[in-house]
């Protein structure tokens, strides 16, 4: 443990964790085992870090929300095991609405990403350089956001979705899809990502058929939903997709062909 690190006496640091010189670990911070906190990294009050995490220089974790309704309440910023946080990332803790900001296990948060208050990020998510998330964003497992993506508050991005670089995300992005263009639209399914994760070809084909009915064969989403419900065989993927769309009060992205 670096002798020049600034570590609050109330901080709890797990076995095998290294805190490099000039890093700061604040009051009410809990760090798991075998972590590495790089020089100049700052972990502020309310930060909870799992095991085997890496925090690179210049990252600031657990700062108070950039939200005028925040009144100093006791909230947390919770990060799961095996997650890597690269240089100059900022992750704010929660407000009284959700009480925490959370990032799951095995995530890669690349340089200069900003994660605002009350965001919920699942497991194995990749946020590429300069991604910016407003407050209350939900990103489900295995989603990937390319560089310079900006996500509006309260937006939800489904599991295994892929959002291309420099996109502005104003509506929900359903699971398994690729999203591209401006305004952001359905651009096919994330077949490469699904194959890399060991999803069977027949399952990928079934997902593709569902989205073809939702976004290609029909001129509006309501008609596509009805077709999928009536004509596509039941499957966990069908239920996941339909449930996501039905629960999307903010609305979902559409195909370029739809109005």
C-alpha atoms as a PDB file:
ATOM      1  CA  UNK A   1       0.000   0.000   0.000  1.00  0.00           C
ATOM      2  CA  UNK A   2       1.548   3.292  -1.070  1.00  0.00           C
ATOM      3  CA  UNK A   3       2.743   5.365   1.882  1.00  0.00           C
ATOM      4  CA  UNK A   4       1.768   8.606   0.124  1.00  0.00           C
ATOM      5  CA  UNK A   5      -1.852   7.598  -0.409  1.00  0.00           C
ATOM      6  CA  UNK A   6      -4.491   9.570   1.490  1.00  0.00           C
ATOM      7  CA  UNK A   7      -6.662   6.966   3.193  1.00  0.00           C
ATOM      8  CA  UNK A   8      -9.387   7.903   5.675  1.00  0.00           C
ATOM      9  CA  UNK A   9      -9.170   5.916   8.926  1.00  0.00           C
ATOM     10  CA  UNK A  10     -12.792   4.777   8.531  1.00  0.00           C
ATOM     11  CA  UNK A  11     -12.213   3.282   5.093  1.00  0.00           C
ATOM     12  CA  UNK A  12     -12.251  -0.527   4.864  1.00  0.00           C
ATOM     13  CA  UNK A  13      -9.778  -2.099   2.452  1.00  0.00           C
ATOM     14  CA  UNK A  14      -9.718  -5.791   1.634  1.00  0.00           C
ATOM     15  CA  UNK A  15      -6.789  -8.210   1.737  1.00  0.00           C
ATOM     16  CA  UNK A  16      -4.382  -7.969  -1.182  1.00  0.00           C
ATOM     17  CA  UNK A  17      -5.579  -4.557  -2.369  1.00  0.00           C
ATOM     18  CA  UNK A  18      -2.996  -1.989  -3.477  1.00  0.00           C
ATOM     19  CA  UNK A  19      -3.593   1.745  -3.125  1.00  0.00           C
ATOM     20  CA  UNK A  20      -0.913   3.584  -5.088  1.00  0.00           C
ATOM     21  CA  UNK A  21       0.740   6.873  -4.024  1.00  0.00           C
ATOM     22  CA  UNK A  22      -1.371  10.031  -4.326  1.00  0.00           C
ATOM     23  CA  UNK A  23      -4.642   8.111  -4.510  1.00  0.00           C
ATOM     24  CA  UNK A  24      -7.403   9.250  -2.130  1.00  0.00           C
ATOM     25  CA  UNK A  25      -9.785   6.909  -0.303  1.00  0.00           C
ATOM     26  CA  UNK A  26     -12.464   8.766   1.655  1.00  0.00           C
ATOM     27  CA  UNK A  27     -14.662   8.172   4.669  1.00  0.00           C
ATOM     28  CA  UNK A  28     -17.256   5.382   4.458  1.00  0.00           C
ATOM     29  CA  UNK A  29     -15.496   3.686   1.525  1.00  0.00           C
ATOM     30  CA  UNK A  30     -15.346  -0.102   1.259  1.00  0.00           C
ATOM     31  CA  UNK A  31     -12.885  -1.748  -1.142  1.00  0.00           C
ATOM     32  CA  UNK A  32     -12.847  -5.496  -1.705  1.00  0.00           C
ATOM     33  CA  UNK A  33      -9.928  -7.891  -1.988  1.00  0.00           C
ATOM     34  CA  UNK A  34      -7.155  -7.870  -4.598  1.00  0.00           C
ATOM     35  CA  UNK A  35      -8.089  -4.504  -6.081  1.00  0.00           C
ATOM     36  CA  UNK A  36      -5.706  -1.950  -7.591  1.00  0.00           C
ATOM     37  CA  UNK A  37      -6.309   1.752  -7.020  1.00  0.00           C
ATOM     38  CA  UNK A  38      -4.055   3.728  -9.325  1.00  0.00           C
ATOM     39  CA  UNK A  39      -2.098   6.885  -8.501  1.00  0.00           C
ATOM     40  CA  UNK A  40      -4.310   9.955  -8.391  1.00  0.00           C
ATOM     41  CA  UNK A  41      -7.571   8.010  -8.325  1.00  0.00           C
ATOM     42  CA  UNK A  42     -10.207   9.325  -5.900  1.00  0.00           C
ATOM     43  CA  UNK A  43     -12.786   7.145  -4.129  1.00  0.00           C
ATOM     44  CA  UNK A  44     -15.190   9.401  -2.244  1.00  0.00           C
ATOM     45  CA  UNK A  45     -17.641   8.728   0.590  1.00  0.00           C
ATOM     46  CA  UNK A  46     -20.209   6.054  -0.149  1.00  0.00           C
ATOM     47  CA  UNK A  47     -18.102   4.134  -2.686  1.00  0.00           C
ATOM     48  CA  UNK A  48     -18.379   0.351  -2.575  1.00  0.00           C
ATOM     49  CA  UNK A  49     -15.890  -1.573  -4.701  1.00  0.00           C
ATOM     50  CA  UNK A  50     -16.035  -5.347  -5.177  1.00  0.00           C
ATOM     51  CA  UNK A  51     -13.137  -7.789  -5.464  1.00  0.00           C
ATOM     52  CA  UNK A  52     -10.495  -7.773  -8.214  1.00  0.00           C
ATOM     53  CA  UNK A  53     -11.376  -4.293  -9.465  1.00  0.00           C
ATOM     54  CA  UNK A  54      -8.978  -1.814 -11.083  1.00  0.00           C
ATOM     55  CA  UNK A  55      -9.356   1.960 -10.885  1.00  0.00           C
ATOM     56  CA  UNK A  56      -6.942   3.887 -13.108  1.00  0.00           C
ATOM     57  CA  UNK A  57      -5.370   7.322 -12.508  1.00  0.00           C
ATOM     58  CA  UNK A  58      -7.636  10.343 -12.537  1.00  0.00           C
ATOM     59  CA  UNK A  59     -10.889   8.445 -11.985  1.00  0.00           C
ATOM     60  CA  UNK A  60     -13.309   9.965  -9.444  1.00  0.00           C
ATOM     61  CA  UNK A  61     -15.776   7.494  -7.969  1.00  0.00           C
ATOM     62  CA  UNK A  62     -18.646   8.355  -5.614  1.00  0.00           C
ATOM     63  CA  UNK A  63     -18.710  12.139  -5.953  1.00  0.00           C
ATOM     64  CA  UNK A  64     -22.006  13.785  -5.020  1.00  0.00           C
ATOM     65  CA  UNK A  65     -24.638  13.970  -7.790  1.00  0.00           C
ATOM     66  CA  UNK A  66     -24.713  16.876 -10.205  1.00  0.00           C
ATOM     67  CA  UNK A  67     -28.387  17.246  -9.399  1.00  0.00           C
ATOM     68  CA  UNK A  68     -30.042  20.244  -7.726  1.00  0.00           C
ATOM     69  CA  UNK A  69     -32.493  18.047  -5.813  1.00  0.00           C
ATOM     70  CA  UNK A  70     -29.621  16.376  -3.942  1.00  0.00           C
ATOM     71  CA  UNK A  71     -29.611  17.554  -0.325  1.00  0.00           C
ATOM     72  CA  UNK A  72     -26.648  15.661   1.057  1.00  0.00           C
ATOM     73  CA  UNK A  73     -28.461  12.423   1.845  1.00  0.00           C
ATOM     74  CA  UNK A  74     -26.529   9.233   2.585  1.00  0.00           C
ATOM     75  CA  UNK A  75     -26.267   7.343  -0.715  1.00  0.00           C
ATOM     76  CA  UNK A  76     -23.789   4.996  -2.369  1.00  0.00           C
ATOM     77  CA  UNK A  77     -21.931   4.182  -5.557  1.00  0.00           C
ATOM     78  CA  UNK A  78     -21.615   0.385  -5.847  1.00  0.00           C
ATOM     79  CA  UNK A  79     -19.325  -1.420  -8.290  1.00  0.00           C
ATOM     80  CA  UNK A  80     -19.192  -5.186  -8.752  1.00  0.00           C
ATOM     81  CA  UNK A  81     -16.331  -7.674  -8.863  1.00  0.00           C
ATOM     82  CA  UNK A  82     -13.793  -7.761 -11.713  1.00  0.00           C
ATOM     83  CA  UNK A  83     -14.763  -4.365 -13.110  1.00  0.00           C
ATOM     84  CA  UNK A  84     -12.140  -2.078 -14.631  1.00  0.00           C
ATOM     85  CA  UNK A  85     -12.489   1.709 -14.517  1.00  0.00           C
ATOM     86  CA  UNK A  86     -10.066   3.526 -16.775  1.00  0.00           C
ATOM     87  CA  UNK A  87      -8.506   6.970 -16.693  1.00  0.00           C
ATOM     88  CA  UNK A  88     -10.570  10.047 -15.773  1.00  0.00           C
ATOM     89  CA  UNK A  89     -13.895   8.222 -15.441  1.00  0.00           C
ATOM     90  CA  UNK A  90     -16.447   9.969 -13.198  1.00  0.00           C
ATOM     91  CA  UNK A  91     -19.204   8.013 -11.456  1.00  0.00           C
ATOM     92  CA  UNK A  92     -21.574   9.914  -9.146  1.00  0.00           C
ATOM     93  CA  UNK A  93     -23.411   8.346  -6.237  1.00  0.00           C
ATOM     94  CA  UNK A  94     -27.199   8.189  -6.023  1.00  0.00           C
ATOM     95  CA  UNK A  95     -29.893  10.572  -4.854  1.00  0.00           C
ATOM     96  CA  UNK A  96     -32.810   9.979  -2.502  1.00  0.00           C
ATOM     97  CA  UNK A  97     -34.809   8.547  -5.410  1.00  0.00           C
ATOM     98  CA  UNK A  98     -32.794   5.322  -5.851  1.00  0.00           C
ATOM     99  CA  UNK A  99     -30.223   5.833  -3.078  1.00  0.00           C
ATOM    100  CA  UNK A 100     -27.432   4.367  -5.205  1.00  0.00           C
ATOM    101  CA  UNK A 101     -25.648   4.278  -8.521  1.00  0.00           C
ATOM    102  CA  UNK A 102     -24.663   0.720  -9.437  1.00  0.00           C
ATOM    103  CA  UNK A 103     -22.330  -0.974 -11.891  1.00  0.00           C
ATOM    104  CA  UNK A 104     -22.291  -4.746 -12.136  1.00  0.00           C
ATOM    105  CA  UNK A 105     -19.580  -7.379 -12.372  1.00  0.00           C
ATOM    106  CA  UNK A 106     -16.995  -7.785 -15.130  1.00  0.00           C
ATOM    107  CA  UNK A 107     -17.638  -4.386 -16.713  1.00  0.00           C
ATOM    108  CA  UNK A 108     -15.156  -2.271 -18.665  1.00  0.00           C
ATOM    109  CA  UNK A 109     -15.637   1.469 -18.231  1.00  0.00           C
ATOM    110  CA  UNK A 110     -13.179   3.155 -20.595  1.00  0.00           C
ATOM    111  CA  UNK A 111     -11.474   6.540 -20.298  1.00  0.00           C
ATOM    112  CA  UNK A 112     -13.470   9.747 -19.761  1.00  0.00           C
ATOM    113  CA  UNK A 113     -16.829   8.009 -19.330  1.00  0.00           C
ATOM    114  CA  UNK A 114     -19.357   9.817 -17.121  1.00  0.00           C
ATOM    115  CA  UNK A 115     -22.002   7.843 -15.209  1.00  0.00           C
ATOM    116  CA  UNK A 116     -24.511  10.139 -13.506  1.00  0.00           C
ATOM    117  CA  UNK A 117     -26.556   9.615 -10.342  1.00  0.00           C
ATOM    118  CA  UNK A 118     -28.924   6.655  -9.944  1.00  0.00           C
ATOM    119  CA  UNK A 119     -27.775   4.827 -13.072  1.00  0.00           C
ATOM    120  CA  UNK A 120     -28.084   1.035 -13.053  1.00  0.00           C
ATOM    121  CA  UNK A 121     -25.542  -0.812 -15.176  1.00  0.00           C
ATOM    122  CA  UNK A 122     -25.658  -4.585 -15.443  1.00  0.00           C
ATOM    123  CA  UNK A 123     -22.933  -7.214 -15.744  1.00  0.00           C
ATOM    124  CA  UNK A 124     -20.358  -7.473 -18.544  1.00  0.00           C
ATOM    125  CA  UNK A 125     -21.245  -4.047 -19.959  1.00  0.00           C
ATOM    126  CA  UNK A 126     -18.685  -2.103 -22.013  1.00  0.00           C
ATOM    127  CA  UNK A 127     -18.816   1.697 -22.093  1.00  0.00           C
ATOM    128  CA  UNK A 128     -16.249   2.924 -24.577  1.00  0.00           C
ATOM    129  CA  UNK A 129     -14.286   6.179 -24.365  1.00  0.00           C
ATOM    130  CA  UNK A 130     -16.265   9.366 -23.684  1.00  0.00           C
ATOM    131  CA  UNK A 131     -19.661   7.729 -23.231  1.00  0.00           C
ATOM    132  CA  UNK A 132     -21.939  10.018 -21.187  1.00  0.00           C
ATOM    133  CA  UNK A 133     -24.920   8.751 -19.202  1.00  0.00           C
ATOM    134  CA  UNK A 134     -27.443  11.154 -17.697  1.00  0.00           C
ATOM    135  CA  UNK A 135     -29.246  10.308 -14.474  1.00  0.00           C
ATOM    136  CA  UNK A 136     -31.433   7.219 -13.979  1.00  0.00           C
ATOM    137  CA  UNK A 137     -30.185   5.418 -17.108  1.00  0.00           C
ATOM    138  CA  UNK A 138     -30.501   1.606 -17.087  1.00  0.00           C
ATOM    139  CA  UNK A 139     -28.115  -0.519 -19.149  1.00  0.00           C
ATOM    140  CA  UNK A 140     -28.708  -4.260 -19.083  1.00  0.00           C
ATOM    141  CA  UNK A 141     -26.184  -7.128 -19.208  1.00  0.00           C
ATOM    142  CA  UNK A 142     -23.693  -7.424 -22.095  1.00  0.00           C
ATOM    143  CA  UNK A 143     -24.678  -4.151 -23.764  1.00  0.00           C
ATOM    144  CA  UNK A 144     -21.911  -2.237 -25.563  1.00  0.00           C
ATOM    145  CA  UNK A 145     -21.887   1.520 -26.175  1.00  0.00           C
ATOM    146  CA  UNK A 146     -19.232   2.796 -28.565  1.00  0.00           C
ATOM    147  CA  UNK A 147     -17.297   6.025 -28.128  1.00  0.00           C
ATOM    148  CA  UNK A 148     -18.992   9.408 -27.676  1.00  0.00           C
ATOM    149  CA  UNK A 149     -22.476   7.945 -27.157  1.00  0.00           C
ATOM    150  CA  UNK A 150     -24.692  10.245 -25.073  1.00  0.00           C
ATOM    151  CA  UNK A 151     -27.742   8.791 -23.303  1.00  0.00           C
ATOM    152  CA  UNK A 152     -30.672  10.922 -22.135  1.00  0.00           C
ATOM    153  CA  UNK A 153     -32.006  10.575 -18.586  1.00  0.00           C
ATOM    154  CA  UNK A 154     -34.372   7.673 -17.760  1.00  0.00           C
ATOM    155  CA  UNK A 155     -33.462   5.819 -20.981  1.00  0.00           C
ATOM    156  CA  UNK A 156     -33.083   2.035 -20.864  1.00  0.00           C
ATOM    157  CA  UNK A 157     -30.779  -0.025 -23.085  1.00  0.00           C
ATOM    158  CA  UNK A 158     -31.564  -3.725 -23.342  1.00  0.00           C
ATOM    159  CA  UNK A 159     -29.340  -6.738 -22.832  1.00  0.00           C
ATOM    160  CA  UNK A 160     -26.860  -7.559 -25.626  1.00  0.00           C
ATOM    161  CA  UNK A 161     -27.656  -4.301 -27.451  1.00  0.00           C
ATOM    162  CA  UNK A 162     -24.961  -2.477 -29.424  1.00  0.00           C
ATOM    163  CA  UNK A 163     -25.050   1.304 -29.917  1.00  0.00           C
ATOM    164  CA  UNK A 164     -22.729   2.761 -32.561  1.00  0.00           C
ATOM    165  CA  UNK A 165     -20.319   5.604 -31.866  1.00  0.00           C
ATOM    166  CA  UNK A 166     -21.396   9.242 -31.538  1.00  0.00           C
ATOM    167  CA  UNK A 167     -25.067   8.275 -31.205  1.00  0.00           C
ATOM    168  CA  UNK A 168     -27.615  10.334 -29.262  1.00  0.00           C
ATOM    169  CA  UNK A 169     -29.912   7.953 -27.376  1.00  0.00           C
ATOM    170  CA  UNK A 170     -33.255   9.604 -26.645  1.00  0.00           C
ATOM    171  CA  UNK A 171     -35.483   6.506 -26.570  1.00  0.00           C
ATOM    172  CA  UNK A 172     -35.121   2.994 -25.212  1.00  0.00           C
ATOM    173  CA  UNK A 173     -33.039   0.492 -27.176  1.00  0.00           C
ATOM    174  CA  UNK A 174     -34.532  -3.041 -27.105  1.00  0.00           C
ATOM    175  CA  UNK A 175     -32.409  -6.114 -26.301  1.00  0.00           C
ATOM    176  CA  UNK A 176     -30.252  -7.872 -28.923  1.00  0.00           C
ATOM    177  CA  UNK A 177     -30.304  -5.034 -31.488  1.00  0.00           C
ATOM    178  CA  UNK A 178     -27.776  -2.805 -33.205  1.00  0.00           C
ATOM    179  CA  UNK A 179     -28.736   0.871 -33.081  1.00  0.00           C
ATOM    180  CA  UNK A 180     -27.278   3.436 -35.478  1.00  0.00           C
ATOM    181  CA  UNK A 181     -27.957   6.544 -37.604  1.00  0.00           C
ATOM    182  CA  UNK A 182     -29.434   9.900 -36.603  1.00  0.00           C
ATOM    183  CA  UNK A 183     -32.045   9.908 -35.253  1.00  0.00           C
ATOM    184  CA  UNK A 184     -31.104   6.609 -33.654  1.00  0.00           C
ATOM    185  CA  UNK A 185     -32.850   3.664 -35.317  1.00  0.00           C
ATOM    186  CA  UNK A 186     -32.919  -0.117 -35.511  1.00  0.00           C
ATOM    187  CA  UNK A 187     -30.089  -1.332 -37.761  1.00  0.00           C
ATOM    188  CA  UNK A 188     -30.375  -5.114 -37.389  1.00  0.00           C
ATOM    189  CA  UNK A 189     -29.572  -7.470 -34.542  1.00  0.00           C
ATOM    190  CA  UNK A 190     -26.250  -7.751 -32.754  1.00  0.00           C
ATOM    191  CA  UNK A 191     -25.504 -11.151 -34.312  1.00  0.00           C
ATOM    192  CA  UNK A 192     -21.714 -10.883 -33.939  1.00  0.00           C
ATOM    193  CA  UNK A 193     -21.971 -10.127 -30.234  1.00  0.00           C
ATOM    194  CA  UNK A 194     -24.456 -12.936 -29.684  1.00  0.00           C
ATOM    195  CA  UNK A 195     -22.210 -15.458 -31.463  1.00  0.00           C
ATOM    196  CA  UNK A 196     -19.230 -14.366 -29.389  1.00  0.00           C
ATOM    197  CA  UNK A 197     -21.248 -15.098 -26.237  1.00  0.00           C
ATOM    198  CA  UNK A 198     -22.075 -18.621 -27.398  1.00  0.00           C
ATOM    199  CA  UNK A 199     -25.706 -18.056 -28.367  1.00  0.00           C
ATOM    200  CA  UNK A 200     -26.863 -20.801 -30.734  1.00  0.00           C
ATOM    201  CA  UNK A 201     -27.494 -19.999 -34.392  1.00  0.00           C
ATOM    202  CA  UNK A 202     -31.135 -21.111 -34.168  1.00  0.00           C
ATOM    203  CA  UNK A 203     -31.733 -18.688 -31.290  1.00  0.00           C
ATOM    204  CA  UNK A 204     -30.074 -15.853 -33.211  1.00  0.00           C
ATOM    205  CA  UNK A 205     -32.233 -16.672 -36.231  1.00  0.00           C
ATOM    206  CA  UNK A 206     -35.372 -16.612 -34.057  1.00  0.00           C
ATOM    207  CA  UNK A 207     -34.427 -13.202 -32.645  1.00  0.00           C
ATOM    208  CA  UNK A 208     -33.829 -11.912 -36.155  1.00  0.00           C
ATOM    209  CA  UNK A 209     -37.275 -13.141 -37.237  1.00  0.00           C
ATOM    210  CA  UNK A 210     -38.927 -11.349 -34.314  1.00  0.00           C
ATOM    211  CA  UNK A 211     -37.287  -8.042 -35.180  1.00  0.00           C
ATOM    212  CA  UNK A 212     -38.000  -8.485 -38.870  1.00  0.00           C
ATOM    213  CA  UNK A 213     -41.674  -8.655 -37.966  1.00  0.00           C
ATOM    214  CA  UNK A 214     -41.423  -5.720 -35.570  1.00  0.00           C
ATOM    215  CA  UNK A 215     -39.410  -3.315 -37.668  1.00  0.00           C
ATOM    216  CA  UNK A 216     -39.268  -4.405 -41.318  1.00  0.00           C
ATOM    217  CA  UNK A 217     -42.470  -6.104 -42.451  1.00  0.00           C
ATOM    218  CA  UNK A 218     -44.826  -3.683 -40.710  1.00  0.00           C
ATOM    219  CA  UNK A 219     -45.115   0.079 -41.096  1.00  0.00           C
ATOM    220  CA  UNK A 220     -45.701   0.719 -37.395  1.00  0.00           C
ATOM    221  CA  UNK A 221     -44.619  -0.916 -34.169  1.00  0.00           C
ATOM    222  CA  UNK A 222     -48.125  -1.751 -32.952  1.00  0.00           C
ATOM    223  CA  UNK A 223     -48.826  -3.881 -36.003  1.00  0.00           C
ATOM    224  CA  UNK A 224     -45.446  -5.559 -35.633  1.00  0.00           C
ATOM    225  CA  UNK A 225     -46.137  -6.374 -31.993  1.00  0.00           C
ATOM    226  CA  UNK A 226     -49.454  -7.966 -32.872  1.00  0.00           C
ATOM    227  CA  UNK A 227     -47.846 -10.064 -35.593  1.00  0.00           C
ATOM    228  CA  UNK A 228     -45.117 -11.309 -33.263  1.00  0.00           C
ATOM    229  CA  UNK A 229     -47.585 -12.148 -30.499  1.00  0.00           C
ATOM    230  CA  UNK A 230     -49.869 -14.077 -32.844  1.00  0.00           C
ATOM    231  CA  UNK A 231     -47.473 -15.744 -35.253  1.00  0.00           C
ATOM    232  CA  UNK A 232     -44.069 -16.274 -33.628  1.00  0.00           C
ATOM    233  CA  UNK A 233     -43.547 -19.361 -31.422  1.00  0.00           C
ATOM    234  CA  UNK A 234     -43.071 -18.752 -27.718  1.00  0.00           C
ATOM    235  CA  UNK A 235     -39.502 -18.462 -26.430  1.00  0.00           C
ATOM    236  CA  UNK A 236     -37.627 -16.698 -23.624  1.00  0.00           C
ATOM    237  CA  UNK A 237     -36.239 -14.240 -26.178  1.00  0.00           C
ATOM    238  CA  UNK A 238     -39.694 -13.401 -27.513  1.00  0.00           C
ATOM    239  CA  UNK A 239     -40.969 -12.768 -23.988  1.00  0.00           C
ATOM    240  CA  UNK A 240     -37.910 -10.644 -23.168  1.00  0.00           C
ATOM    241  CA  UNK A 241     -38.306  -8.469 -26.271  1.00  0.00           C
ATOM    242  CA  UNK A 242     -42.058  -7.965 -25.969  1.00  0.00           C
ATOM    243  CA  UNK A 243     -41.873  -7.287 -22.242  1.00  0.00           C
ATOM    244  CA  UNK A 244     -39.178  -4.684 -22.799  1.00  0.00           C
ATOM    245  CA  UNK A 245     -41.186  -2.844 -25.449  1.00  0.00           C
ATOM    246  CA  UNK A 246     -44.453  -2.986 -23.510  1.00  0.00           C
ATOM    247  CA  UNK A 247     -42.819  -1.539 -20.404  1.00  0.00           C
ATOM    248  CA  UNK A 248     -41.047   1.278 -22.281  1.00  0.00           C
ATOM    249  CA  UNK A 249     -42.988   4.350 -21.252  1.00  0.00           C
ATOM    250  CA  UNK A 250     -40.341   6.530 -22.869  1.00  0.00           C
ATOM    251  CA  UNK A 251     -40.851   4.714 -26.197  1.00  0.00           C
ATOM    252  CA  UNK A 252     -38.366   2.667 -28.196  1.00  0.00           C
ATOM    253  CA  UNK A 253     -36.265   3.374 -31.243  1.00  0.00           C
ATOM    254  CA  UNK A 254     -37.876   2.505 -34.575  1.00  0.00           C
ATOM    255  CA  UNK A 255     -36.762   1.266 -37.933  1.00  0.00           C
ATOM    256  CA  UNK A 256     -36.006   3.860 -40.583  1.00  0.00           C
ATOM    257  CA  UNK A 257     -38.960   2.355 -42.452  1.00  0.00           C
ATOM    258  CA  UNK A 258     -41.467   3.037 -39.673  1.00  0.00           C
ATOM    259  CA  UNK A 259     -43.309   6.163 -38.619  1.00  0.00           C
END
